[in-house]
Amino acid sequence: MLSKRDRSKRQTEVFADFCELSYCALAKKASPCLDQRDQLEAQYMQVVARYRDPDDVRAMPEMLALALSAISAGGTDFMGEVAGQIGALDAGLGQFFTPYEVSRLMAEMSLNNVDELLGEKGFITLQEPAGGAGGMLLAAADVLEGRGLDIDGQVWIEAVELSRSTYHMLYVQASARGLAGRVICGNSLSLETYFSAYTAAAPVFIAKNGHPFATQIQQVRAAESIQAQRGNLLAELTRQHIAAAE
């Protein structure tokens, strides 16, 4: 279907536009913030404006429906495989397609203490600092679901991807697979966040479990409070010392 779209554009360009349109549509529906929804709508229309033939734009939802059907069924890294086949990955950025079977094997080996983690909180969190198109997260979802976990109520993901175009693929696949969490376009090394979006399943998880990092947030706030108290005490002692010297 990509080859039938605007012939003045390369397949990789059409694919990138398709991923961006899909991201905007899904993220807008999932966003709890009016400002973000408006921004995503404007971004969507900017991509639409790149196409002169309305039929090219009308074909995008049909393509998205096919992608969502394949991704939601599990067992595949749909976007990653397509990107690899048409040459949309950037080797200069270290982007190479990892076959789903390899990702699945790695997920099986890594997620061998799920029951222990579930016993502590009732849910698990997954951090992916170099998300790519989401292949590892999709494999993890399949493994966890196969072990009886409810992936929208017992699994929370935080995934980071540096490349904007690959970030769009990552968000679409995580959202389509039903994973709850936040997908971030940013730099895991510098800890910069450029922008982010919650998946559609995020509210389901939060309604059931509360904030996934509530304990950590409380610990940080408690440490900050203690530090502030120490600072106030030191300031008061300093003031008294100066007053006594005078």
Protein backbone atom coordinates (compact mmCIF):
# COMPACT_ATOMS: atom_id res chain seq x y z
CA MET A 1 0.00 0.00 0.00
CA LEU A 2 2.92 2.35 0.61
CA SER A 3 4.01 2.09 -3.02
CA LYS A 4 0.56 3.23 -4.21
CA ARG A 5 0.71 6.51 -2.34
CA ASP A 6 2.18 9.82 -3.54
CA ARG A 7 4.71 8.77 -6.22
CA SER A 8 6.67 11.98 -5.76
CA LYS A 9 7.77 10.75 -2.33
CA ARG A 10 10.04 7.88 -1.37
CA GLN A 11 8.47 4.89 0.42
CA THR A 12 10.43 5.74 3.53
CA GLU A 13 9.02 9.28 3.50
CA VAL A 14 5.44 8.05 3.12
CA PHE A 15 6.01 5.52 5.89
CA ALA A 16 7.38 8.20 8.22
CA ASP A 17 4.34 10.39 7.49
CA PHE A 18 2.03 7.43 8.11
CA CYS A 19 3.68 6.76 11.47
CA GLU A 20 3.43 10.42 12.47
CA LEU A 21 -0.25 10.65 11.49
CA SER A 22 -0.97 7.44 13.39
CA TYR A 23 0.88 8.73 16.44
CA CYS A 24 -1.02 12.03 16.39
CA ALA A 25 -4.39 10.29 16.08
CA LEU A 26 -3.77 7.77 18.86
CA ALA A 27 -1.96 10.13 21.24
CA LYS A 28 -4.61 12.82 20.85
CA LYS A 29 -7.33 10.35 21.82
CA ALA A 30 -5.35 9.21 24.86
CA SER A 31 -4.14 12.61 26.08
CA PRO A 32 -5.74 14.06 29.25
CA CYS A 33 -4.46 17.55 28.40
CA LEU A 34 -6.35 19.94 26.11
CA ASP A 35 -3.16 21.81 25.11
CA GLN A 36 -1.49 18.59 24.02
CA ARG A 37 -4.57 17.49 22.08
CA ASP A 38 -4.62 20.82 20.23
CA GLN A 39 -0.89 20.53 19.47
CA LEU A 40 -1.32 16.99 18.15
CA GLU A 41 -4.22 18.09 15.95
CA ALA A 42 -2.08 20.89 14.48
CA GLN A 43 0.79 18.46 13.93
CA TYR A 44 -1.58 16.04 12.18
CA MET A 45 -2.79 18.74 9.80
CA GLN A 46 0.78 19.77 9.00
CA VAL A 47 1.46 16.25 7.76
CA VAL A 48 -1.81 16.16 5.81
CA ALA A 49 -0.78 19.36 4.03
CA ARG A 50 2.19 17.55 2.48
CA TYR A 51 -0.15 15.57 0.20
CA ARG A 52 -1.92 17.06 -2.80
CA ASP A 53 -4.16 14.05 -3.47
CA PRO A 54 -6.87 13.61 -0.79
CA ASP A 55 -6.98 9.89 -1.59
CA ASP A 56 -3.45 9.52 -0.26
CA VAL A 57 -4.57 10.94 3.08
CA ARG A 58 -7.78 8.88 3.12
CA ALA A 59 -5.71 5.73 2.70
CA MET A 60 -3.79 6.35 5.94
CA PRO A 61 -6.60 5.27 8.32
CA GLU A 62 -7.01 2.08 6.29
CA MET A 63 -3.30 1.39 6.64
CA LEU A 64 -3.52 2.13 10.37
CA ALA A 65 -6.40 -0.33 10.76
CA LEU A 66 -4.28 -3.06 9.19
CA ALA A 67 -1.33 -2.20 11.45
CA LEU A 68 -3.45 -2.12 14.61
CA SER A 69 -4.97 -5.50 13.77
CA ALA A 70 -1.54 -7.09 13.33
CA ILE A 71 0.08 -5.45 16.39
CA SER A 72 -2.78 -6.08 18.81
CA ALA A 73 -2.71 -9.81 18.03
CA GLY A 74 0.84 -10.06 19.37
CA GLY A 75 3.70 -12.20 18.15
CA THR A 76 5.21 -9.60 15.82
CA ASP A 77 7.19 -6.38 15.64
CA PHE A 78 5.08 -5.08 12.77
CA MET A 79 6.43 -1.54 12.44
CA GLY A 80 10.03 -2.57 12.99
CA GLU A 81 9.83 -5.26 10.34
CA VAL A 82 8.25 -2.92 7.77
CA ALA A 83 10.84 -0.24 8.54
CA GLY A 84 13.63 -2.77 8.09
CA GLN A 85 12.25 -4.07 4.80
CA ILE A 86 11.91 -0.65 3.16
CA GLY A 87 15.17 0.76 4.52
CA ALA A 88 13.63 3.28 6.91
CA LEU A 89 16.07 2.55 9.75
CA ASP A 90 19.16 4.75 10.20
CA ALA A 91 22.30 2.67 10.67
CA GLY A 92 24.15 5.89 11.57
CA LEU A 93 22.01 6.09 14.70
CA GLY A 94 22.55 2.41 15.43
CA GLN A 95 19.11 1.41 14.18
CA PHE A 96 18.96 -2.21 13.06
CA PHE A 97 15.95 -4.49 12.95
CA THR A 98 16.03 -7.19 15.62
CA PRO A 99 13.94 -10.21 14.59
CA TYR A 100 10.97 -10.79 16.86
CA GLU A 101 12.21 -14.28 17.77
CA VAL A 102 15.42 -12.80 19.20
CA SER A 103 13.49 -10.23 21.22
CA ARG A 104 11.17 -12.95 22.48
CA LEU A 105 14.11 -15.08 23.64
CA MET A 106 15.63 -12.11 25.46
CA ALA A 107 12.30 -11.35 27.13
CA GLU A 108 11.92 -14.96 28.25
CA MET A 109 15.39 -14.87 29.80
CA SER A 110 14.95 -11.47 31.48
CA LEU A 111 11.48 -11.91 32.95
CA ASN A 112 12.12 -14.92 35.16
CA ASN A 113 11.22 -13.28 38.49
CA VAL A 114 7.78 -11.93 37.60
CA ASP A 115 5.95 -13.70 40.43
CA GLU A 116 8.34 -12.24 42.99
CA LEU A 117 7.84 -8.71 41.66
CA LEU A 118 4.08 -9.10 41.54
CA GLY A 119 4.06 -10.23 45.17
CA GLU A 120 5.63 -6.93 46.23
CA LYS A 121 3.32 -4.46 44.47
CA GLY A 122 0.73 -6.36 42.47
CA PHE A 123 2.25 -4.98 39.26
CA ILE A 124 5.59 -4.66 37.52
CA THR A 125 7.30 -1.76 35.75
CA LEU A 126 9.44 -2.02 32.62
CA GLN A 127 12.00 0.61 31.64
CA GLU A 128 13.24 0.71 28.03
CA PRO A 129 15.96 3.39 27.63
CA ALA A 130 16.47 2.74 23.90
CA GLY A 131 13.02 1.77 22.72
CA GLY A 132 13.48 1.73 18.95
CA ALA A 133 10.22 0.69 17.33
CA GLY A 134 9.22 -1.19 20.49
CA GLY A 135 10.22 -4.73 19.57
CA MET A 136 11.49 -5.66 23.05
CA LEU A 137 8.39 -4.24 24.73
CA LEU A 138 6.12 -6.18 22.39
CA ALA A 139 8.02 -9.38 23.11
CA ALA A 140 7.83 -8.67 26.85
CA ALA A 141 4.08 -8.10 26.57
CA ASP A 142 3.67 -11.47 24.88
CA VAL A 143 5.74 -13.23 27.54
CA LEU A 144 3.92 -11.58 30.43
CA GLU A 145 0.51 -12.15 28.91
CA GLY A 146 1.44 -15.77 28.37
CA ARG A 147 2.15 -16.04 32.09
CA GLY A 148 -1.29 -14.79 32.94
CA LEU A 149 -0.67 -11.08 33.54
CA ASP A 150 -3.18 -8.42 32.55
CA ILE A 151 -0.88 -6.18 30.52
CA ASP A 152 -3.00 -3.04 30.89
CA GLY A 153 -3.56 -3.47 34.61
CA GLN A 154 -0.42 -5.18 35.91
CA VAL A 155 2.34 -3.80 33.66
CA TRP A 156 3.55 -0.21 33.39
CA ILE A 157 6.14 0.84 30.80
CA GLU A 158 8.43 3.85 30.54
CA ALA A 159 10.07 3.84 27.11
CA VAL A 160 12.51 6.38 25.70
CA GLU A 161 13.54 6.85 22.06
CA LEU A 162 15.85 9.52 20.68
CA SER A 163 14.79 9.52 17.01
CA ARG A 164 11.54 11.36 16.38
CA SER A 165 10.39 9.10 13.53
CA THR A 166 11.17 5.92 15.46
CA TYR A 167 9.44 7.37 18.53
CA HIS A 168 6.24 7.54 16.50
CA MET A 169 6.56 3.83 15.69
CA LEU A 170 7.28 3.03 19.32
CA TYR A 171 4.21 4.88 20.57
CA VAL A 172 1.87 3.35 17.98
CA GLN A 173 3.02 -0.19 18.73
CA ALA A 174 2.96 0.15 22.53
CA SER A 175 -0.48 1.73 22.41
CA ALA A 176 -1.86 -0.77 19.90
CA ARG A 177 -0.59 -3.71 21.97
CA GLY A 178 -2.53 -2.41 24.97
CA LEU A 179 0.44 -1.52 27.14
CA ALA A 180 -0.07 1.07 29.85
CA GLY A 181 2.57 3.71 30.36
CA ARG A 182 4.42 6.73 29.02
CA VAL A 183 6.42 6.88 25.81
CA ILE A 184 9.10 9.56 25.70
CA CYS A 185 11.03 11.19 22.88
CA GLY A 186 14.25 12.07 24.63
CA ASN A 187 17.86 11.24 25.42
CA SER A 188 18.44 8.55 28.04
CA LEU A 189 22.09 9.56 28.46
CA SER A 190 21.54 13.28 29.07
CA LEU A 191 18.12 12.66 30.69
CA GLU A 192 16.55 15.23 28.35
CA THR A 193 12.84 14.85 27.55
CA TYR A 194 11.67 16.55 24.36
CA PHE A 195 8.02 15.46 24.52
CA SER A 196 6.01 12.46 25.65
CA ALA A 197 2.57 10.87 25.54
CA TYR A 198 0.62 8.41 27.66
CA THR A 199 -0.85 5.34 26.04
CA ALA A 200 -4.59 4.75 25.98
CA ALA A 201 -4.27 2.02 28.63
CA ALA A 202 -2.51 4.30 31.13
CA PRO A 203 -5.74 5.47 32.85
CA VAL A 204 -6.81 1.83 33.28
CA PHE A 205 -3.60 1.01 35.12
CA ILE A 206 -3.68 4.16 37.28
CA ALA A 207 -7.33 3.61 38.22
CA LYS A 208 -6.43 0.14 39.45
CA ASN A 209 -3.04 0.74 41.07
CA GLY A 210 -2.55 4.47 41.53
CA HIS A 211 0.64 6.14 40.32
CA PRO A 212 3.22 3.43 39.52
CA PHE A 213 6.01 5.37 41.20
CA ALA A 214 4.04 6.71 44.18
CA THR A 215 6.44 5.14 46.70
CA GLN A 216 9.51 6.61 45.02
CA ILE A 217 7.87 10.03 44.77
CA GLN A 218 7.04 9.96 48.50
CA GLN A 219 10.62 8.99 49.33
CA VAL A 220 12.02 11.84 47.25
CA ARG A 221 9.64 14.34 48.83
CA ALA A 222 10.51 13.09 52.31
CA ALA A 223 14.23 13.42 51.56
CA GLU A 224 13.70 16.94 50.18
CA SER A 225 11.71 17.88 53.29
CA ILE A 226 14.46 16.62 55.60
CA GLN A 227 17.06 18.49 53.56
CA ALA A 228 15.00 21.68 53.76
CA GLN A 229 14.63 21.30 57.53
CA ARG A 230 18.37 20.85 57.90
CA GLY A 231 18.95 23.95 55.80
CA ASN A 232 16.55 25.99 57.92
CA LEU A 233 18.19 24.73 61.12
CA LEU A 234 21.65 25.61 59.85
CA ALA A 235 20.47 29.07 58.84
CA GLU A 236 18.94 29.63 62.28
CA LEU A 237 22.10 28.47 64.08
CA THR A 238 24.18 30.74 61.89
CA ARG A 239 21.89 33.67 62.68
CA GLN A 240 22.11 32.99 66.43
CA HIS A 241 25.89 32.68 66.22
CA ILE A 242 26.18 36.04 64.48
CA ALA A 243 23.79 37.67 66.98
CA ALA A 244 25.80 36.29 69.91
CA ALA A 245 29.06 37.59 68.42
CA GLU A 246 27.61 41.06 68.15
